[in-house]
Amino acid sequence: MKPAQTFFFKVAHLIKKTPRGKVATYGQIAALAGNPRAARQVAWVLHSASDKEKLPWQRVINSQGGISLPRYGGYELQRALLVKEGVKFDTADRIALARFQWKPKVTKKDKKKKGQKD
């Protein structure tokens, strides 16, 4: 499998793992997939495969806690889906990442892959 395909599948898997009521940033997904500088590629995966892969695309937001889609171009739908999941927005229409950002548990297997000790 080519590296680009591997990255694509890792990104799709991570987006699917993001739980209801939580969000992840483009950069966070990229880093967890093994390429912390590939946030734009995460956006490409979302754009090209959300329907086909049944990705919960609404759970991926920008690093400032905001929705990157333009108003009247998907913004309202993404916001409504997140609100329906229990995600709260502040008066500036931002999500408090300290409260709502997904923090996946790191397993011993994950640590071994990265060469970390317990």
Protein backbone atom coordinates (compact mmCIF):
# COMPACT_ATOMS: atom_id res chain seq x y z
CA MET A 1 0.00 0.00 0.00
CA LYS A 2 1.30 3.45 -0.90
CA PRO A 3 2.04 5.94 1.92
CA ALA A 4 -0.73 8.27 0.71
CA GLN A 5 -3.25 5.42 0.86
CA THR A 6 -2.05 4.44 4.34
CA PHE A 7 -2.42 8.04 5.53
CA PHE A 8 -5.90 8.26 3.98
CA PHE A 9 -7.08 5.14 5.81
CA LYS A 10 -5.52 6.23 9.11
CA VAL A 11 -7.26 9.61 8.84
CA ALA A 12 -10.61 8.01 8.00
CA HIS A 13 -10.24 5.58 10.91
CA LEU A 14 -9.41 8.37 13.37
CA ILE A 15 -12.33 10.50 12.25
CA LYS A 16 -14.65 7.52 12.69
CA LYS A 17 -13.26 6.99 16.22
CA THR A 18 -13.99 10.59 17.28
CA PRO A 19 -16.89 10.14 19.73
CA ARG A 20 -20.22 11.93 19.61
CA GLY A 21 -20.10 15.16 21.58
CA LYS A 22 -16.36 15.58 20.99
CA VAL A 23 -14.35 17.31 18.28
CA ALA A 24 -10.88 16.95 16.82
CA THR A 25 -8.83 19.48 14.90
CA TYR A 26 -7.47 18.94 11.41
CA GLY A 27 -3.94 19.12 12.82
CA GLN A 28 -4.72 16.71 15.65
CA ILE A 29 -6.01 14.09 13.21
CA ALA A 30 -2.97 14.62 10.97
CA ALA A 31 -0.59 14.18 13.92
CA LEU A 32 -2.36 11.07 15.18
CA ALA A 33 -2.20 9.65 11.64
CA GLY A 34 1.56 10.15 11.64
CA ASN A 35 2.03 13.41 9.73
CA PRO A 36 1.57 16.49 11.96
CA ARG A 37 2.10 18.84 9.00
CA ALA A 38 -0.74 17.38 6.93
CA ALA A 39 -3.81 19.23 8.22
CA ARG A 40 -4.77 20.24 4.67
CA GLN A 41 -4.67 16.60 3.60
CA VAL A 42 -7.13 15.81 6.41
CA ALA A 43 -9.46 18.40 4.90
CA TRP A 44 -8.99 16.71 1.51
CA VAL A 45 -9.92 13.31 2.99
CA LEU A 46 -13.05 14.84 4.50
CA HIS A 47 -13.98 16.52 1.23
CA SER A 48 -13.38 13.47 -0.93
CA ALA A 49 -14.62 10.65 1.27
CA SER A 50 -17.11 11.82 3.92
CA ASP A 51 -20.14 10.29 2.19
CA LYS A 52 -18.41 7.20 0.80
CA GLU A 53 -16.72 6.32 4.11
CA LYS A 54 -19.63 7.58 6.26
CA LEU A 55 -17.30 9.87 8.18
CA PRO A 56 -18.68 12.05 10.99
CA TRP A 57 -17.15 15.06 9.21
CA GLN A 58 -18.85 17.57 11.50
CA ARG A 59 -16.53 16.59 14.36
CA VAL A 60 -13.41 17.99 12.67
CA ILE A 61 -12.81 21.69 13.26
CA ASN A 62 -9.95 24.18 13.09
CA SER A 63 -7.31 24.72 15.77
CA GLN A 64 -9.05 27.83 17.11
CA GLY A 65 -12.16 25.82 17.94
CA GLY A 66 -14.11 27.14 14.98
CA ILE A 67 -15.83 25.77 11.93
CA SER A 68 -13.81 26.31 8.76
CA LEU A 69 -16.67 26.00 6.30
CA PRO A 70 -18.08 29.29 5.01
CA ARG A 71 -21.45 30.62 6.07
CA TYR A 72 -24.14 29.30 3.74
CA GLY A 73 -21.60 26.77 2.50
CA GLY A 74 -21.99 24.06 5.13
CA TYR A 75 -21.24 26.10 8.25
CA GLU A 76 -24.83 26.06 9.53
CA LEU A 77 -25.24 22.32 8.99
CA GLN A 78 -21.97 21.50 10.76
CA ARG A 79 -22.88 23.74 13.68
CA ALA A 80 -26.38 22.23 13.96
CA LEU A 81 -25.00 18.67 13.90
CA LEU A 82 -22.49 19.49 16.64
CA VAL A 83 -25.12 21.21 18.80
CA LYS A 84 -27.35 18.15 18.37
CA GLU A 85 -24.46 16.05 19.76
CA GLY A 86 -24.19 18.32 22.81
CA VAL A 87 -21.22 20.46 21.74
CA LYS A 88 -21.53 24.03 23.03
CA PHE A 89 -20.46 27.19 21.23
CA ASP A 90 -19.48 30.43 22.97
CA THR A 91 -20.67 33.91 21.98
CA ALA A 92 -17.87 34.12 19.39
CA ASP A 93 -19.11 30.83 17.85
CA ARG A 94 -16.09 28.89 19.09
CA ILE A 95 -15.92 25.51 20.81
CA ALA A 96 -13.94 25.25 24.05
CA LEU A 97 -11.30 22.71 23.08
CA ALA A 98 -10.34 22.20 26.73
CA ARG A 99 -13.83 20.77 27.27
CA PHE A 100 -14.87 19.23 23.95
CA GLN A 101 -11.65 18.14 22.23
CA TRP A 102 -11.28 14.39 21.87
CA LYS A 103 -8.34 13.05 23.82
CA PRO A 104 -7.75 9.48 22.67
CA LYS A 105 -6.25 7.09 25.16
CA VAL A 106 -2.69 6.05 24.34
CA THR A 107 -2.29 2.31 24.69
CA LYS A 108 0.88 0.34 25.37
CA LYS A 109 0.77 -0.75 21.73
CA ASP A 110 0.68 2.91 20.60
CA LYS A 111 3.61 3.75 22.88
CA LYS A 112 5.67 0.88 21.48
CA LYS A 113 5.03 2.14 17.92
CA LYS A 114 6.38 5.55 18.94
CA GLY A 115 9.27 4.12 20.97
CA GLN A 116 8.01 5.47 24.32
CA LYS A 117 8.34 3.72 27.66
CA ASP A 118 5.52 3.11 30.16
